[in-house]
Amino acid sequence: MTIDMEKLRREQVRWVLMLALNHARPTGTVEAILLGAVQGIYPDATPLEVRREMDYLAARRLLEIHRSPSGPWRASLTRLGVDVAEYTVECEPGIARPPKYW
């Protein structure tokens, strides 16, 4: 059995983004802060990688992206995103949410 490291990384980045945004509630935060959170796990993470995974999560309606005309993005969790981060609803495949142990 081989492990798809790229898939694993994408899914873990998504979970880190959700956790960071959950801690940034209720106002959300800017992409530079999210990039720093991801780089704590993956030091080689890029702004494009973070934006790509933010876009994925937005398409799943787990977060909202506020795009500034000057360039930077800002994001905040939706109600569903909060529920996923807090383990109150099931998490569909695509996000590496660890199993609840408590």
N, C-alpha and C. Protein backbone atom coordinates (compact mmCIF):
# COMPACT_ATOMS: atom_id res chain seq x y z
N MET A 1 0.84 -1.18 0.00
CA MET A 1 0.00 0.00 0.00
C MET A 1 0.89 1.25 0.00
N THR A 2 0.64 2.13 -0.94
CA THR A 2 1.42 3.36 -0.99
C THR A 2 0.59 4.52 -0.45
N ILE A 3 1.29 5.46 0.16
CA ILE A 3 0.64 6.63 0.71
C ILE A 3 0.80 7.78 -0.28
N ASP A 4 -0.28 8.41 -0.62
CA ASP A 4 -0.26 9.57 -1.51
C ASP A 4 0.09 10.79 -0.66
N MET A 5 1.36 11.15 -0.64
CA MET A 5 1.84 12.23 0.22
C MET A 5 1.26 13.59 -0.17
N GLU A 6 1.02 13.81 -1.45
CA GLU A 6 0.45 15.09 -1.88
C GLU A 6 -0.99 15.24 -1.38
N LYS A 7 -1.75 14.15 -1.46
CA LYS A 7 -3.13 14.16 -0.97
C LYS A 7 -3.14 14.37 0.54
N LEU A 8 -2.28 13.67 1.24
CA LEU A 8 -2.19 13.81 2.69
C LEU A 8 -1.87 15.24 3.07
N ARG A 9 -0.93 15.85 2.37
CA ARG A 9 -0.55 17.23 2.66
C ARG A 9 -1.72 18.19 2.42
N ARG A 10 -2.39 18.05 1.27
CA ARG A 10 -3.54 18.92 0.97
C ARG A 10 -4.59 18.83 2.07
N GLU A 11 -4.91 17.62 2.49
CA GLU A 11 -5.95 17.43 3.50
C GLU A 11 -5.51 17.95 4.86
N GLN A 12 -4.24 17.82 5.20
CA GLN A 12 -3.75 18.36 6.46
C GLN A 12 -3.71 19.88 6.44
N VAL A 13 -3.34 20.46 5.31
CA VAL A 13 -3.34 21.93 5.19
C VAL A 13 -4.77 22.44 5.39
N ARG A 14 -5.74 21.77 4.82
CA ARG A 14 -7.15 22.19 5.00
C ARG A 14 -7.55 22.17 6.46
N TRP A 15 -7.14 21.14 7.19
CA TRP A 15 -7.49 21.05 8.60
C TRP A 15 -6.80 22.15 9.40
N VAL A 16 -5.54 22.41 9.11
CA VAL A 16 -4.82 23.48 9.81
C VAL A 16 -5.50 24.83 9.55
N LEU A 17 -5.92 25.07 8.32
CA LEU A 17 -6.62 26.31 8.01
C LEU A 17 -7.92 26.43 8.81
N MET A 18 -8.64 25.34 8.91
CA MET A 18 -9.89 25.37 9.67
C MET A 18 -9.64 25.62 11.15
N LEU A 19 -8.61 25.00 11.70
CA LEU A 19 -8.30 25.23 13.11
C LEU A 19 -7.88 26.68 13.35
N ALA A 20 -7.04 27.21 12.48
CA ALA A 20 -6.59 28.60 12.63
C ALA A 20 -7.78 29.55 12.54
N LEU A 21 -8.67 29.31 11.62
CA LEU A 21 -9.84 30.17 11.49
C LEU A 21 -10.80 30.01 12.66
N ASN A 22 -10.87 28.83 13.22
CA ASN A 22 -11.71 28.63 14.40
C ASN A 22 -11.17 29.45 15.58
N HIS A 23 -9.85 29.52 15.69
CA HIS A 23 -9.25 30.32 16.76
C HIS A 23 -9.38 31.82 16.49
N ALA A 24 -9.56 32.19 15.24
CA ALA A 24 -9.67 33.60 14.86
C ALA A 24 -11.11 34.11 14.90
N ARG A 25 -12.04 33.28 15.34
CA ARG A 25 -13.43 33.69 15.39
C ARG A 25 -13.62 34.77 16.44
N PRO A 26 -14.52 35.69 16.25
CA PRO A 26 -15.54 35.74 15.21
C PRO A 26 -15.12 36.56 13.98
N THR A 27 -13.97 37.20 14.03
CA THR A 27 -13.63 38.13 12.95
C THR A 27 -12.93 37.48 11.76
N GLY A 28 -12.36 36.31 11.92
CA GLY A 28 -11.57 35.71 10.84
C GLY A 28 -10.18 36.30 10.85
N THR A 29 -9.43 36.05 9.80
CA THR A 29 -8.06 36.57 9.72
C THR A 29 -7.59 36.66 8.28
N VAL A 30 -6.43 37.25 8.11
CA VAL A 30 -5.86 37.44 6.77
C VAL A 30 -5.02 36.24 6.38
N GLU A 31 -4.80 36.11 5.09
CA GLU A 31 -4.09 34.95 4.56
C GLU A 31 -2.65 34.86 5.06
N ALA A 32 -2.01 35.98 5.38
CA ALA A 32 -0.63 35.93 5.88
C ALA A 32 -0.55 35.17 7.20
N ILE A 33 -1.54 35.36 8.06
CA ILE A 33 -1.59 34.63 9.33
C ILE A 33 -1.84 33.15 9.06
N LEU A 34 -2.72 32.85 8.13
CA LEU A 34 -3.00 31.46 7.79
C LEU A 34 -1.78 30.78 7.19
N LEU A 35 -1.05 31.51 6.35
CA LEU A 35 0.19 30.96 5.78
C LEU A 35 1.17 30.62 6.90
N GLY A 36 1.30 31.50 7.88
CA GLY A 36 2.19 31.23 9.02
C GLY A 36 1.78 29.98 9.78
N ALA A 37 0.48 29.79 9.96
CA ALA A 37 -0.01 28.59 10.66
C ALA A 37 0.35 27.33 9.87
N VAL A 38 0.16 27.38 8.56
CA VAL A 38 0.48 26.22 7.72
C VAL A 38 1.98 25.98 7.70
N GLN A 39 2.77 27.04 7.64
CA GLN A 39 4.23 26.89 7.60
C GLN A 39 4.77 26.35 8.92
N GLY A 40 4.00 26.40 9.99
CA GLY A 40 4.40 25.74 11.23
C GLY A 40 4.46 24.23 11.08
N ILE A 41 3.70 23.70 10.15
CA ILE A 41 3.68 22.26 9.87
C ILE A 41 4.51 21.94 8.63
N TYR A 42 4.30 22.74 7.60
CA TYR A 42 4.99 22.58 6.32
C TYR A 42 5.77 23.86 6.02
N PRO A 43 7.03 23.94 6.43
CA PRO A 43 7.81 25.18 6.24
C PRO A 43 7.92 25.63 4.78
N ASP A 44 7.75 24.72 3.84
CA ASP A 44 7.86 25.08 2.42
C ASP A 44 6.51 25.47 1.80
N ALA A 45 5.47 25.61 2.61
CA ALA A 45 4.16 25.99 2.08
C ALA A 45 4.23 27.37 1.43
N THR A 46 3.46 27.54 0.37
CA THR A 46 3.47 28.79 -0.39
C THR A 46 2.13 29.51 -0.26
N PRO A 47 2.12 30.81 -0.52
CA PRO A 47 0.85 31.53 -0.53
C PRO A 47 -0.16 30.94 -1.53
N LEU A 48 0.32 30.51 -2.68
CA LEU A 48 -0.57 29.91 -3.67
C LEU A 48 -1.21 28.63 -3.13
N GLU A 49 -0.43 27.81 -2.44
CA GLU A 49 -0.97 26.57 -1.86
C GLU A 49 -2.07 26.90 -0.85
N VAL A 50 -1.84 27.89 -0.01
CA VAL A 50 -2.83 28.27 0.99
C VAL A 50 -4.10 28.80 0.30
N ARG A 51 -3.94 29.62 -0.71
CA ARG A 51 -5.10 30.13 -1.43
C ARG A 51 -5.88 29.01 -2.11
N ARG A 52 -5.17 28.06 -2.67
CA ARG A 52 -5.83 26.93 -3.35
C ARG A 52 -6.69 26.15 -2.36
N GLU A 53 -6.15 25.88 -1.17
CA GLU A 53 -6.92 25.12 -0.18
C GLU A 53 -8.02 25.95 0.45
N MET A 54 -7.80 27.26 0.59
CA MET A 54 -8.88 28.14 1.05
C MET A 54 -10.03 28.11 0.05
N ASP A 55 -9.70 28.16 -1.22
CA ASP A 55 -10.71 28.12 -2.26
C ASP A 55 -11.50 26.81 -2.22
N TYR A 56 -10.80 25.69 -1.98
CA TYR A 56 -11.45 24.39 -1.86
C TYR A 56 -12.45 24.42 -0.70
N LEU A 57 -12.02 24.92 0.44
CA LEU A 57 -12.89 24.97 1.62
C LEU A 57 -14.07 25.92 1.39
N ALA A 58 -13.86 26.99 0.67
CA ALA A 58 -14.95 27.91 0.35
C ALA A 58 -15.96 27.23 -0.58
N ALA A 59 -15.48 26.45 -1.53
CA ALA A 59 -16.37 25.74 -2.44
C ALA A 59 -17.23 24.73 -1.68
N ARG A 60 -16.72 24.22 -0.57
CA ARG A 60 -17.49 23.30 0.27
C ARG A 60 -18.33 24.03 1.30
N ARG A 61 -18.31 25.36 1.25
CA ARG A 61 -19.09 26.23 2.13
C ARG A 61 -18.69 26.10 3.59
N LEU A 62 -17.40 25.84 3.81
CA LEU A 62 -16.89 25.75 5.18
C LEU A 62 -16.26 27.07 5.62
N LEU A 63 -15.89 27.89 4.65
CA LEU A 63 -15.38 29.22 4.97
C LEU A 63 -15.78 30.20 3.89
N GLU A 64 -15.73 31.47 4.27
CA GLU A 64 -16.01 32.55 3.33
C GLU A 64 -14.72 33.31 3.09
N ILE A 65 -14.45 33.62 1.84
CA ILE A 65 -13.26 34.39 1.48
C ILE A 65 -13.70 35.79 1.11
N HIS A 66 -13.00 36.76 1.66
CA HIS A 66 -13.23 38.17 1.35
C HIS A 66 -11.99 38.64 0.59
N ARG A 67 -12.12 38.80 -0.71
CA ARG A 67 -10.99 39.18 -1.55
C ARG A 67 -10.91 40.70 -1.65
N SER A 68 -9.77 41.24 -1.30
CA SER A 68 -9.56 42.68 -1.37
C SER A 68 -9.12 43.07 -2.78
N PRO A 69 -9.62 44.20 -3.29
CA PRO A 69 -9.16 44.64 -4.61
C PRO A 69 -7.64 44.89 -4.65
N SER A 70 -7.05 45.18 -3.48
CA SER A 70 -5.60 45.43 -3.44
C SER A 70 -4.79 44.14 -3.37
N GLY A 71 -5.44 42.99 -3.24
CA GLY A 71 -4.72 41.73 -3.28
C GLY A 71 -4.92 40.76 -2.15
N PRO A 72 -4.76 41.15 -0.87
CA PRO A 72 -4.83 40.16 0.21
C PRO A 72 -6.23 39.57 0.39
N TRP A 73 -6.26 38.34 0.81
CA TRP A 73 -7.52 37.66 1.12
C TRP A 73 -7.70 37.65 2.63
N ARG A 74 -8.95 37.63 3.05
CA ARG A 74 -9.33 37.48 4.45
C ARG A 74 -10.37 36.37 4.48
N ALA A 75 -10.38 35.56 5.50
CA ALA A 75 -11.32 34.44 5.55
C ALA A 75 -11.92 34.31 6.94
N SER A 76 -13.09 33.72 6.97
CA SER A 76 -13.75 33.38 8.24
C SER A 76 -14.56 32.11 8.02
N LEU A 77 -14.74 31.36 9.10
CA LEU A 77 -15.51 30.12 9.01
C LEU A 77 -17.00 30.42 8.90
N THR A 78 -17.69 29.58 8.18
CA THR A 78 -19.16 29.62 8.15
C THR A 78 -19.66 28.83 9.34
N ARG A 79 -20.97 28.83 9.51
CA ARG A 79 -21.56 28.04 10.60
C ARG A 79 -21.19 26.56 10.45
N LEU A 80 -21.25 26.05 9.23
CA LEU A 80 -20.88 24.66 8.99
C LEU A 80 -19.40 24.43 9.28
N GLY A 81 -18.56 25.38 8.90
CA GLY A 81 -17.13 25.26 9.19
C GLY A 81 -16.85 25.20 10.68
N VAL A 82 -17.55 26.00 11.46
CA VAL A 82 -17.41 25.95 12.92
C VAL A 82 -17.83 24.59 13.44
N ASP A 83 -18.94 24.07 12.94
CA ASP A 83 -19.42 22.76 13.38
C ASP A 83 -18.42 21.65 13.06
N VAL A 84 -17.79 21.71 11.89
CA VAL A 84 -16.78 20.71 11.54
C VAL A 84 -15.58 20.85 12.47
N ALA A 85 -15.11 22.07 12.68
CA ALA A 85 -13.94 22.31 13.54
C ALA A 85 -14.20 21.89 14.98
N GLU A 86 -15.45 22.01 15.42
CA GLU A 86 -15.79 21.67 16.81
C GLU A 86 -16.33 20.25 16.95
N TYR A 87 -16.26 19.46 15.89
CA TYR A 87 -16.67 18.05 15.93
C TYR A 87 -18.15 17.86 16.23
N THR A 88 -19.00 18.81 15.88
CA THR A 88 -20.43 18.63 16.14
C THR A 88 -21.17 18.03 14.95
N VAL A 89 -20.50 17.97 13.78
CA VAL A 89 -21.06 17.31 12.60
C VAL A 89 -19.99 16.40 12.01
N GLU A 90 -20.43 15.50 11.15
CA GLU A 90 -19.49 14.61 10.46
C GLU A 90 -18.62 15.43 9.50
N CYS A 91 -17.42 14.95 9.29
CA CYS A 91 -16.50 15.59 8.36
C CYS A 91 -16.38 14.69 7.14
N GLU A 92 -16.79 15.21 6.00
CA GLU A 92 -16.70 14.44 4.77
C GLU A 92 -15.24 14.29 4.35
N PRO A 93 -14.93 13.32 3.49
CA PRO A 93 -13.55 13.16 3.02
C PRO A 93 -13.02 14.44 2.39
N GLY A 94 -11.70 14.60 2.44
CA GLY A 94 -11.06 15.75 1.85
C GLY A 94 -10.39 16.65 2.86
N ILE A 95 -10.68 16.40 4.14
CA ILE A 95 -10.08 17.18 5.23
C ILE A 95 -9.55 16.17 6.24
N ALA A 96 -8.30 16.35 6.65
CA ALA A 96 -7.65 15.39 7.55
C ALA A 96 -7.97 15.70 9.01
N ARG A 97 -9.27 15.72 9.34
CA ARG A 97 -9.65 15.94 10.73
C ARG A 97 -9.37 14.66 11.52
N PRO A 98 -8.58 14.77 12.59
CA PRO A 98 -8.30 13.56 13.37
C PRO A 98 -9.57 13.04 14.04
N PRO A 99 -9.59 11.76 14.35
CA PRO A 99 -10.77 11.22 15.05
C PRO A 99 -10.90 11.85 16.44
N LYS A 100 -12.13 12.00 16.87
CA LYS A 100 -12.39 12.54 18.20
C LYS A 100 -12.01 11.48 19.23
N TYR A 101 -11.22 11.86 20.21
CA TYR A 101 -10.75 10.90 21.21
C TYR A 101 -11.32 11.16 22.59
N TRP A 102 -12.13 12.18 22.75
CA TRP A 102 -12.70 12.48 24.06
C TRP A 102 -14.18 12.25 24.07
